[in-house]
Amino acid sequence: MVVNRDLATRFFGGNALGKQLYIQDLGSTGSHLVPTSIVGVVENVPHNGLLHPIEPEVYLPLAQVPQPDFEIAIRHSGDPDLLRSSIVNVVADVDPTIPVSGLETMDDRIAYRVTFRKAFLVLISLFAGLAVVVSAIGIAGMFAYMVAQRTREMGIRLALGASRVHLLRIVLKETWAILNLGTLLGLVISFASSHAIRSMLVGIGQHDPVVNVSALALMSAVALFAALAPAIRASQTDVLSVLRED
């Protein structure tokens, strides 16, 4: 038999060549076990799909275990459309009664397997982009309202000698404090709900640091830019108009 690397590593510490496994004699009706020598180790193949873990597997020669149907993988660097007709012709030359069906490239097979998940992730990405836009609008509106409520305070501070740069610093400092609180809550919610999309992730962990840091940096930049315009307006408060209202 030939075994995959997962089986060789799990049961033989990676050194499986020449070892034996006892498997059921498929030619008998009982549960008779026969020793089978391992003559090769091949790389793991995700037969159960890209989202499922690799399992130990064995490969037996067709001469020992005949199969009514099977698949053949062919490595080819040319045009796959030209190869299809060649495969059919070669098989027909050997035995014209053997049917050949399901000819497809590996790219086509993988694309078919992940079509639904790709569509689902694209939909999630669109909603995520929309959420960023809505968040930016909401943050800008919130800070604009917060600054508008403090217009009198800003005018009085200017009248008492505060610089406009100082007012801008005050608003941005409060913005940063609110942003830190929102970031903390967002990370807690993200880690608590990440298991919901774990089954949709391929090649990435549910707590991937690069993704989390990128999302944090993006939302921080959006929040700061959204708060910048109200902060600049606050620093340009007209002292005379404020004092005239009082």
C-alpha atoms as a PDB file:
ATOM      1  CA  MET A   1       0.000   0.000   0.000  1.00  0.00           C
ATOM      2  CA  VAL A   2       0.861   3.660  -0.261  1.00  0.00           C
ATOM      3  CA  VAL A   3      -0.105   5.927   2.651  1.00  0.00           C
ATOM      4  CA  ASN A   4      -0.498   9.671   2.957  1.00  0.00           C
ATOM      5  CA  ARG A   5       1.873  11.807   4.990  1.00  0.00           C
ATOM      6  CA  ASP A   6      -0.658  12.348   7.768  1.00  0.00           C
ATOM      7  CA  LEU A   7      -0.862   8.598   8.451  1.00  0.00           C
ATOM      8  CA  ALA A   8       2.918   8.200   8.248  1.00  0.00           C
ATOM      9  CA  THR A   9       3.464  11.044  10.708  1.00  0.00           C
ATOM     10  CA  ARG A  10       0.680  10.120  13.092  1.00  0.00           C
ATOM     11  CA  PHE A  11       1.419   6.396  13.459  1.00  0.00           C
ATOM     12  CA  PHE A  12       5.048   5.964  12.401  1.00  0.00           C
ATOM     13  CA  GLY A  13       6.693   9.270  13.266  1.00  0.00           C
ATOM     14  CA  GLY A  14       7.182  10.004   9.560  1.00  0.00           C
ATOM     15  CA  ASN A  15       9.201   6.825   8.914  1.00  0.00           C
ATOM     16  CA  ALA A  16       6.574   4.495   7.432  1.00  0.00           C
ATOM     17  CA  LEU A  17       8.439   2.872   4.539  1.00  0.00           C
ATOM     18  CA  GLY A  18       8.765  -0.877   4.988  1.00  0.00           C
ATOM     19  CA  LYS A  19       6.328  -0.970   7.913  1.00  0.00           C
ATOM     20  CA  GLN A  20       3.150  -3.052   7.865  1.00  0.00           C
ATOM     21  CA  LEU A  21      -0.505  -2.400   8.538  1.00  0.00           C
ATOM     22  CA  TYR A  22      -3.196  -5.004   9.014  1.00  0.00           C
ATOM     23  CA  ILE A  23      -6.260  -4.330   6.896  1.00  0.00           C
ATOM     24  CA  GLN A  24      -9.389  -6.273   6.173  1.00  0.00           C
ATOM     25  CA  ASP A  25      -9.157  -8.758   3.341  1.00  0.00           C
ATOM     26  CA  LEU A  26     -11.677  -7.259   0.925  1.00  0.00           C
ATOM     27  CA  GLY A  27     -11.775 -10.524  -0.999  1.00  0.00           C
ATOM     28  CA  SER A  28     -13.208 -12.457   1.938  1.00  0.00           C
ATOM     29  CA  THR A  29     -16.662 -12.285   3.468  1.00  0.00           C
ATOM     30  CA  GLY A  30     -15.446 -12.260   7.076  1.00  0.00           C
ATOM     31  CA  SER A  31     -13.271  -9.892   9.068  1.00  0.00           C
ATOM     32  CA  HIS A  32      -9.992 -11.575   8.182  1.00  0.00           C
ATOM     33  CA  LEU A  33      -7.017  -9.195   8.515  1.00  0.00           C
ATOM     34  CA  VAL A  34      -3.965  -9.436   6.295  1.00  0.00           C
ATOM     35  CA  PRO A  35      -0.584  -7.718   6.713  1.00  0.00           C
ATOM     36  CA  THR A  36       0.109  -5.091   4.041  1.00  0.00           C
ATOM     37  CA  SER A  37       3.503  -3.501   3.455  1.00  0.00           C
ATOM     38  CA  ILE A  38       3.889   0.260   3.055  1.00  0.00           C
ATOM     39  CA  VAL A  39       5.921   0.922  -0.077  1.00  0.00           C
ATOM     40  CA  GLY A  40       5.408   4.670  -0.473  1.00  0.00           C
ATOM     41  CA  VAL A  41       4.318   7.899   1.174  1.00  0.00           C
ATOM     42  CA  VAL A  42       2.434  10.594  -0.751  1.00  0.00           C
ATOM     43  CA  GLU A  43       1.393  14.108   0.166  1.00  0.00           C
ATOM     44  CA  ASN A  44      -1.955  14.766   1.834  1.00  0.00           C
ATOM     45  CA  VAL A  45      -4.973  15.284  -0.409  1.00  0.00           C
ATOM     46  CA  PRO A  46      -8.108  17.042   0.939  1.00  0.00           C
ATOM     47  CA  HIS A  47     -10.560  14.419  -0.319  1.00  0.00           C
ATOM     48  CA  ASN A  48     -13.218  15.603   2.152  1.00  0.00           C
ATOM     49  CA  GLY A  49     -13.070  19.220   0.991  1.00  0.00           C
ATOM     50  CA  LEU A  50     -10.915  22.230   1.716  1.00  0.00           C
ATOM     51  CA  LEU A  51     -12.702  23.002   4.972  1.00  0.00           C
ATOM     52  CA  HIS A  52     -12.284  19.602   6.596  1.00  0.00           C
ATOM     53  CA  PRO A  53      -9.143  18.323   8.311  1.00  0.00           C
ATOM     54  CA  ILE A  54      -6.843  15.871   6.572  1.00  0.00           C
ATOM     55  CA  GLU A  55      -7.377  12.259   7.639  1.00  0.00           C
ATOM     56  CA  PRO A  56      -5.092   9.200   7.452  1.00  0.00           C
ATOM     57  CA  GLU A  57      -5.516   7.456   4.100  1.00  0.00           C
ATOM     58  CA  VAL A  58      -4.188   4.382   2.314  1.00  0.00           C
ATOM     59  CA  TYR A  59      -3.992   3.673  -1.404  1.00  0.00           C
ATOM     60  CA  LEU A  60      -4.165   0.081  -2.670  1.00  0.00           C
ATOM     61  CA  PRO A  61      -3.308  -1.152  -6.191  1.00  0.00           C
ATOM     62  CA  LEU A  62      -6.277  -1.879  -8.439  1.00  0.00           C
ATOM     63  CA  ALA A  63      -4.811  -5.327  -9.065  1.00  0.00           C
ATOM     64  CA  GLN A  64      -5.309  -6.116  -5.370  1.00  0.00           C
ATOM     65  CA  VAL A  65      -8.605  -4.274  -4.867  1.00  0.00           C
ATOM     66  CA  PRO A  66     -10.507  -3.925  -8.170  1.00  0.00           C
ATOM     67  CA  GLN A  67     -12.939  -0.999  -8.387  1.00  0.00           C
ATOM     68  CA  PRO A  68     -15.954  -0.645 -10.700  1.00  0.00           C
ATOM     69  CA  ASP A  69     -15.053   3.000 -11.353  1.00  0.00           C
ATOM     70  CA  PHE A  70     -12.256   5.350 -10.412  1.00  0.00           C
ATOM     71  CA  GLU A  71     -10.744   8.736 -11.220  1.00  0.00           C
ATOM     72  CA  ILE A  72      -7.374   9.477 -12.783  1.00  0.00           C
ATOM     73  CA  ALA A  73      -5.429  12.720 -12.265  1.00  0.00           C
ATOM     74  CA  ILE A  74      -3.171  13.769 -15.142  1.00  0.00           C
ATOM     75  CA  ARG A  75      -0.454  16.416 -14.914  1.00  0.00           C
ATOM     76  CA  HIS A  76      -0.382  18.490 -18.094  1.00  0.00           C
ATOM     77  CA  SER A  77       1.081  21.904 -18.942  1.00  0.00           C
ATOM     78  CA  GLY A  78      -0.668  22.464 -22.264  1.00  0.00           C
ATOM     79  CA  ASP A  79      -4.200  23.317 -23.336  1.00  0.00           C
ATOM     80  CA  PRO A  80      -6.638  21.154 -21.303  1.00  0.00           C
ATOM     81  CA  ASP A  81      -9.234  21.265 -24.100  1.00  0.00           C
ATOM     82  CA  LEU A  82      -6.803  19.529 -26.459  1.00  0.00           C
ATOM     83  CA  LEU A  83      -5.966  16.969 -23.776  1.00  0.00           C
ATOM     84  CA  ARG A  84      -9.610  15.920 -23.332  1.00  0.00           C
ATOM     85  CA  SER A  85      -9.912  14.457 -26.827  1.00  0.00           C
ATOM     86  CA  SER A  86      -6.550  12.719 -26.458  1.00  0.00           C
ATOM     87  CA  ILE A  87      -7.685  11.033 -23.229  1.00  0.00           C
ATOM     88  CA  VAL A  88     -10.885   9.763 -24.831  1.00  0.00           C
ATOM     89  CA  ASN A  89      -8.953   8.426 -27.819  1.00  0.00           C
ATOM     90  CA  VAL A  90      -6.345   6.656 -25.662  1.00  0.00           C
ATOM     91  CA  VAL A  91      -9.003   4.968 -23.522  1.00  0.00           C
ATOM     92  CA  ALA A  92     -10.954   3.933 -26.631  1.00  0.00           C
ATOM     93  CA  ASP A  93      -7.810   2.358 -28.099  1.00  0.00           C
ATOM     94  CA  VAL A  94      -7.410   0.243 -24.953  1.00  0.00           C
ATOM     95  CA  ASP A  95     -11.056  -0.722 -24.546  1.00  0.00           C
ATOM     96  CA  PRO A  96     -13.848   1.068 -26.456  1.00  0.00           C
ATOM     97  CA  THR A  97     -16.438  -0.205 -23.953  1.00  0.00           C
ATOM     98  CA  ILE A  98     -14.978   1.842 -21.092  1.00  0.00           C
ATOM     99  CA  PRO A  99     -16.953   5.085 -20.660  1.00  0.00           C
ATOM    100  CA  VAL A 100     -15.054   8.319 -19.991  1.00  0.00           C
ATOM    101  CA  SER A 101     -16.966  11.082 -18.205  1.00  0.00           C
ATOM    102  CA  GLY A 102     -16.455  14.024 -15.889  1.00  0.00           C
ATOM    103  CA  LEU A 103     -13.373  15.461 -17.590  1.00  0.00           C
ATOM    104  CA  GLU A 104     -12.454  18.707 -15.835  1.00  0.00           C
ATOM    105  CA  THR A 105      -9.397  20.657 -14.771  1.00  0.00           C
ATOM    106  CA  MET A 106      -8.352  20.900 -11.146  1.00  0.00           C
ATOM    107  CA  ASP A 107      -9.057  24.646 -11.227  1.00  0.00           C
ATOM    108  CA  ASP A 108     -12.610  23.962 -12.396  1.00  0.00           C
ATOM    109  CA  ARG A 109     -13.142  21.348  -9.683  1.00  0.00           C
ATOM    110  CA  ILE A 110     -11.864  23.614  -6.905  1.00  0.00           C
ATOM    111  CA  ALA A 111     -13.856  26.573  -8.239  1.00  0.00           C
ATOM    112  CA  TYR A 112     -17.036  24.490  -8.210  1.00  0.00           C
ATOM    113  CA  ARG A 113     -16.400  23.350  -4.632  1.00  0.00           C
ATOM    114  CA  VAL A 114     -15.930  26.885  -3.309  1.00  0.00           C
ATOM    115  CA  THR A 115     -18.497  28.741  -5.446  1.00  0.00           C
ATOM    116  CA  PHE A 116     -21.075  29.045  -2.668  1.00  0.00           C
ATOM    117  CA  ARG A 117     -18.551  30.129  -0.061  1.00  0.00           C
ATOM    118  CA  LYS A 118     -16.987  32.662  -2.410  1.00  0.00           C
ATOM    119  CA  ALA A 119     -20.405  34.168  -3.107  1.00  0.00           C
ATOM    120  CA  PHE A 120     -21.176  34.215   0.607  1.00  0.00           C
ATOM    121  CA  LEU A 121     -17.864  35.900   1.433  1.00  0.00           C
ATOM    122  CA  VAL A 122     -18.352  38.471  -1.339  1.00  0.00           C
ATOM    123  CA  LEU A 123     -21.751  39.263   0.158  1.00  0.00           C
ATOM    124  CA  ILE A 124     -20.182  39.604   3.598  1.00  0.00           C
ATOM    125  CA  SER A 125     -17.518  41.908   2.140  1.00  0.00           C
ATOM    126  CA  LEU A 126     -20.162  44.131   0.557  1.00  0.00           C
ATOM    127  CA  PHE A 127     -22.044  44.402   3.832  1.00  0.00           C
ATOM    128  CA  ALA A 128     -18.768  45.065   5.650  1.00  0.00           C
ATOM    129  CA  GLY A 129     -17.972  47.919   3.251  1.00  0.00           C
ATOM    130  CA  LEU A 130     -21.472  49.312   3.742  1.00  0.00           C
ATOM    131  CA  ALA A 131     -21.002  49.042   7.505  1.00  0.00           C
ATOM    132  CA  VAL A 132     -17.781  51.068   7.265  1.00  0.00           C
ATOM    133  CA  VAL A 133     -19.563  53.822   5.315  1.00  0.00           C
ATOM    134  CA  VAL A 134     -22.509  53.888   7.723  1.00  0.00           C
ATOM    135  CA  SER A 135     -20.105  53.899  10.665  1.00  0.00           C
ATOM    136  CA  ALA A 136     -18.188  56.842   9.223  1.00  0.00           C
ATOM    137  CA  ILE A 137     -21.411  58.804   8.711  1.00  0.00           C
ATOM    138  CA  GLY A 138     -22.608  57.937  12.207  1.00  0.00           C
ATOM    139  CA  ILE A 139     -19.304  58.862  13.814  1.00  0.00           C
ATOM    140  CA  ALA A 140     -19.158  62.175  11.945  1.00  0.00           C
ATOM    141  CA  GLY A 141     -22.720  62.987  12.971  1.00  0.00           C
ATOM    142  CA  MET A 142     -22.102  62.030  16.594  1.00  0.00           C
ATOM    143  CA  PHE A 143     -18.994  64.178  16.917  1.00  0.00           C
ATOM    144  CA  ALA A 144     -20.628  67.063  15.053  1.00  0.00           C
ATOM    145  CA  TYR A 145     -23.495  66.974  17.560  1.00  0.00           C
ATOM    146  CA  MET A 146     -21.090  66.667  20.490  1.00  0.00           C
ATOM    147  CA  VAL A 147     -19.077  69.675  19.332  1.00  0.00           C
ATOM    148  CA  ALA A 148     -22.224  71.692  18.623  1.00  0.00           C
ATOM    149  CA  GLN A 149     -23.344  71.136  22.217  1.00  0.00           C
ATOM    150  CA  ARG A 150     -20.044  72.624  23.417  1.00  0.00           C
ATOM    151  CA  THR A 151     -19.956  75.664  21.148  1.00  0.00           C
ATOM    152  CA  ARG A 152     -20.475  78.068  24.078  1.00  0.00           C
ATOM    153  CA  GLU A 153     -17.740  76.351  26.044  1.00  0.00           C
ATOM    154  CA  MET A 154     -15.357  76.682  23.104  1.00  0.00           C
ATOM    155  CA  GLY A 155     -16.173  80.372  22.728  1.00  0.00           C
ATOM    156  CA  ILE A 156     -15.626  81.032  26.411  1.00  0.00           C
ATOM    157  CA  ARG A 157     -12.305  79.168  26.331  1.00  0.00           C
ATOM    158  CA  LEU A 158     -11.215  81.319  23.396  1.00  0.00           C
ATOM    159  CA  ALA A 159     -12.302  84.473  25.217  1.00  0.00           C
ATOM    160  CA  LEU A 160     -10.263  83.445  28.234  1.00  0.00           C
ATOM    161  CA  GLY A 161      -7.132  83.052  26.137  1.00  0.00           C
ATOM    162  CA  ALA A 162      -7.173  79.435  24.940  1.00  0.00           C
ATOM    163  CA  SER A 163      -5.616  78.919  21.539  1.00  0.00           C
ATOM    164  CA  ARG A 164      -7.466  77.328  18.653  1.00  0.00           C
ATOM    165  CA  VAL A 165      -4.846  74.572  18.550  1.00  0.00           C
ATOM    166  CA  HIS A 166      -5.647  73.856  22.207  1.00  0.00           C
ATOM    167  CA  LEU A 167      -9.365  73.509  21.385  1.00  0.00           C
ATOM    168  CA  LEU A 168      -8.548  71.188  18.497  1.00  0.00           C
ATOM    169  CA  ARG A 169      -6.399  69.113  20.828  1.00  0.00           C
ATOM    170  CA  ILE A 170      -9.242  68.868  23.379  1.00  0.00           C
ATOM    171  CA  VAL A 171     -11.728  67.580  20.805  1.00  0.00           C
ATOM    172  CA  LEU A 172      -9.280  65.081  19.316  1.00  0.00           C
ATOM    173  CA  LYS A 173      -8.319  63.865  22.798  1.00  0.00           C
ATOM    174  CA  GLU A 174     -11.957  63.119  23.617  1.00  0.00           C
ATOM    175  CA  THR A 175     -12.341  61.505  20.206  1.00  0.00           C
ATOM    176  CA  TRP A 176      -9.383  59.239  20.934  1.00  0.00           C
ATOM    177  CA  ALA A 177     -10.839  58.230  24.318  1.00  0.00           C
ATOM    178  CA  ILE A 178     -14.191  57.311  22.742  1.00  0.00           C
ATOM    179  CA  LEU A 179     -12.372  55.492  19.944  1.00  0.00           C
ATOM    180  CA  ASN A 180     -10.390  53.400  22.442  1.00  0.00           C
ATOM    181  CA  LEU A 181     -13.582  52.444  24.268  1.00  0.00           C
ATOM    182  CA  GLY A 182     -15.270  51.468  21.001  1.00  0.00           C
ATOM    183  CA  THR A 183     -12.194  49.504  19.930  1.00  0.00           C
ATOM    184  CA  LEU A 184     -12.186  47.540  23.171  1.00  0.00           C
ATOM    185  CA  LEU A 185     -15.872  46.700  22.880  1.00  0.00           C
ATOM    186  CA  GLY A 186     -15.428  45.804  19.208  1.00  0.00           C
ATOM    187  CA  LEU A 187     -12.577  43.400  19.930  1.00  0.00           C
ATOM    188  CA  VAL A 188     -14.578  41.705  22.688  1.00  0.00           C
ATOM    189  CA  ILE A 189     -17.589  41.270  20.395  1.00  0.00           C
ATOM    190  CA  SER A 190     -15.340  40.122  17.527  1.00  0.00           C
ATOM    191  CA  PHE A 191     -13.660  37.413  19.576  1.00  0.00           C
ATOM    192  CA  ALA A 192     -16.979  36.320  21.088  1.00  0.00           C
ATOM    193  CA  SER A 193     -18.715  35.954  17.698  1.00  0.00           C
ATOM    194  CA  SER A 194     -15.803  34.727  15.556  1.00  0.00           C
ATOM    195  CA  HIS A 195     -16.871  31.079  15.946  1.00  0.00           C
ATOM    196  CA  ALA A 196     -19.930  31.865  13.808  1.00  0.00           C
ATOM    197  CA  ILE A 197     -17.772  32.303  10.664  1.00  0.00           C
ATOM    198  CA  ARG A 198     -15.084  29.760  11.518  1.00  0.00           C
ATOM    199  CA  SER A 199     -16.514  27.202   9.103  1.00  0.00           C
ATOM    200  CA  MET A 200     -16.274  29.706   6.234  1.00  0.00           C
ATOM    201  CA  LEU A 201     -12.559  30.449   6.635  1.00  0.00           C
ATOM    202  CA  VAL A 202      -9.912  28.742   4.507  1.00  0.00           C
ATOM    203  CA  GLY A 203      -6.203  29.203   5.136  1.00  0.00           C
ATOM    204  CA  ILE A 204      -6.764  31.726   7.908  1.00  0.00           C
ATOM    205  CA  GLY A 205      -7.514  31.464  11.614  1.00  0.00           C
ATOM    206  CA  GLN A 206     -10.599  32.899  13.237  1.00  0.00           C
ATOM    207  CA  HIS A 207      -8.355  35.154  15.371  1.00  0.00           C
ATOM    208  CA  ASP A 208      -5.838  36.082  12.677  1.00  0.00           C
ATOM    209  CA  PRO A 209      -3.749  39.000  14.050  1.00  0.00           C
ATOM    210  CA  VAL A 210      -3.151  40.575  10.621  1.00  0.00           C
ATOM    211  CA  VAL A 211      -6.889  40.764   9.911  1.00  0.00           C
ATOM    212  CA  ASN A 212      -7.709  42.112  13.373  1.00  0.00           C
ATOM    213  CA  VAL A 213      -4.971  44.754  13.259  1.00  0.00           C
ATOM    214  CA  SER A 214      -5.967  45.792   9.721  1.00  0.00           C
ATOM    215  CA  ALA A 215      -9.632  46.145  10.694  1.00  0.00           C
ATOM    216  CA  LEU A 216      -8.651  48.096  13.811  1.00  0.00           C
ATOM    217  CA  ALA A 217      -6.406  50.440  11.808  1.00  0.00           C
ATOM    218  CA  LEU A 218      -9.120  50.991   9.187  1.00  0.00           C
ATOM    219  CA  MET A 219     -11.848  51.825  11.693  1.00  0.00           C
ATOM    220  CA  SER A 220      -9.464  54.048  13.708  1.00  0.00           C
ATOM    221  CA  ALA A 221      -8.590  56.012  10.568  1.00  0.00           C
ATOM    222  CA  VAL A 222     -12.274  56.301   9.629  1.00  0.00           C
ATOM    223  CA  ALA A 223     -13.169  57.529  13.113  1.00  0.00           C
ATOM    224  CA  LEU A 224     -10.358  60.094  13.258  1.00  0.00           C
ATOM    225  CA  PHE A 225     -11.103  61.490   9.809  1.00  0.00           C
ATOM    226  CA  ALA A 226     -14.828  61.587  10.591  1.00  0.00           C
ATOM    227  CA  ALA A 227     -14.151  63.552  13.790  1.00  0.00           C
ATOM    228  CA  LEU A 228     -11.587  65.864  12.205  1.00  0.00           C
ATOM    229  CA  ALA A 229     -14.067  68.150  10.422  1.00  0.00           C
ATOM    230  CA  PRO A 230     -16.172  68.899  13.568  1.00  0.00           C
ATOM    231  CA  ALA A 231     -12.964  69.406  15.541  1.00  0.00           C
ATOM    232  CA  ILE A 232     -11.663  71.954  13.024  1.00  0.00           C
ATOM    233  CA  ARG A 233     -15.007  73.777  13.067  1.00  0.00           C
ATOM    234  CA  ALA A 234     -14.880  73.868  16.847  1.00  0.00           C
ATOM    235  CA  SER A 235     -11.410  75.397  16.812  1.00  0.00           C
ATOM    236  CA  GLN A 236     -12.692  78.115  14.466  1.00  0.00           C
ATOM    237  CA  THR A 237     -15.548  79.183  16.765  1.00  0.00           C
ATOM    238  CA  ASP A 238     -16.437  82.885  16.457  1.00  0.00           C
ATOM    239  CA  VAL A 239     -15.904  84.340  19.942  1.00  0.00           C
ATOM    240  CA  LEU A 240     -18.022  87.446  19.371  1.00  0.00           C
ATOM    241  CA  SER A 241     -21.062  85.521  18.127  1.00  0.00           C
ATOM    242  CA  VAL A 242     -20.924  83.218  21.156  1.00  0.00           C
ATOM    243  CA  LEU A 243     -20.578  86.080  23.644  1.00  0.00           C
ATOM    244  CA  ARG A 244     -23.349  88.029  21.862  1.00  0.00           C
ATOM    245  CA  GLU A 245     -25.719  85.097  22.378  1.00  0.00           C
ATOM    246  CA  ASP A 246     -24.914  85.113  26.091  1.00  0.00           C
END
